[in-house]
Amino acid sequence: MRLGYNTNGLAHHSLPAAIRLLASLGYESVAITIDHCALNPYADSYESQLRDTRQLLTELKMCSVIETGARYLLNPRHKHHPTLVTSKSAGRPLRIEFLRHAIDIAAELGSNCVSLWSGCLASNDTHDDGWRRLVEGLGIVLDYADRCDVQIGFEPEPGMFIDTMASFSELVEQVDSPRLGLTLDLGHLHCLSEPIEATIVRWSDRLLNIHIEDMCAGVHEHLMFGEGEMGFPPVLATLQKVGYAGGLHVELSRHSHMGPEAARQSRVFLKSLLCTE
């Protein structure tokens, strides 16, 4: 298991500065959230930034995953839109195109996976609309990922179409692909009162990426460790027991104003628990 940090919690840093900072703090992995100034595939500097990022990760011996949850990258007015459950006329092909770019990035960097989620249905969409669009769009993405030899970590997200582990299980039944794995946010499980250790054991064969932070039940707010209700020793022990060897990525996207200190404190907290196991 490699301790890592998501660059969405270092939004005021350039990508190279964020990666170097995390390496200096002792992190071994970085979850790179593609954004306006971080491997934006629509920017003129994209090719050179991708090349420089690959060289930097190699130099610092850091692993990576690619995250696709930037808030306003594809639409400056509507957060996270369009998504895989958006109608075609409202822009779903743009999301699919963007996810292909993310797969290209992961292939170039040798990243462990591309992490993505479903998105939310519009008020006038039906449940059947959501499933039809998601299965169709995700199928296209998975086919492309297979051609590029890249794994996809699907993240259930509170409030989205695929929100719980039950809905993720239904997705796995409908989309049969060896490329479809799981990005598991431990705080989300606590928020929705789902059993964390049992979920880790149940889905250990699909675990590609872990997000970790503190959280309170019923409130989807990512908190610094010690500010929520979660008990971490048994969770980390379970991850070690099932042999999880991927990245354990701290996700504090609303802490960029104190990013370096949040990253430092988070590593100290997690390292102390892992060392006691």
Foldseek 3Di string as FASTA:
>chain_A
DFEEAECLLQVVDQPLVVVVLLLVLPGQEYEYEDAPRGLPVPDPCNVVNLVVVLVSCVVSNHAYEYEHQAFDRPHVPGGRPDFLLDDVVRPNVVNLVVLLSSLVSCLSNVHLAYEDEGFADDPPDDLVSSVVSNQVSVLSSLVSSVVSVHAYAYEAPPPHSRHDVVSVVVVCVSHPDPRYAHEYEQQSCQQAVHDQLVVCVVRVVRYRHYEYAAYEHVDPAGHHPPPYDDDPLVNVVSCVVSPPDHYHYYYHSPNSVVSSVSSSVNCVVVVVSVVVD
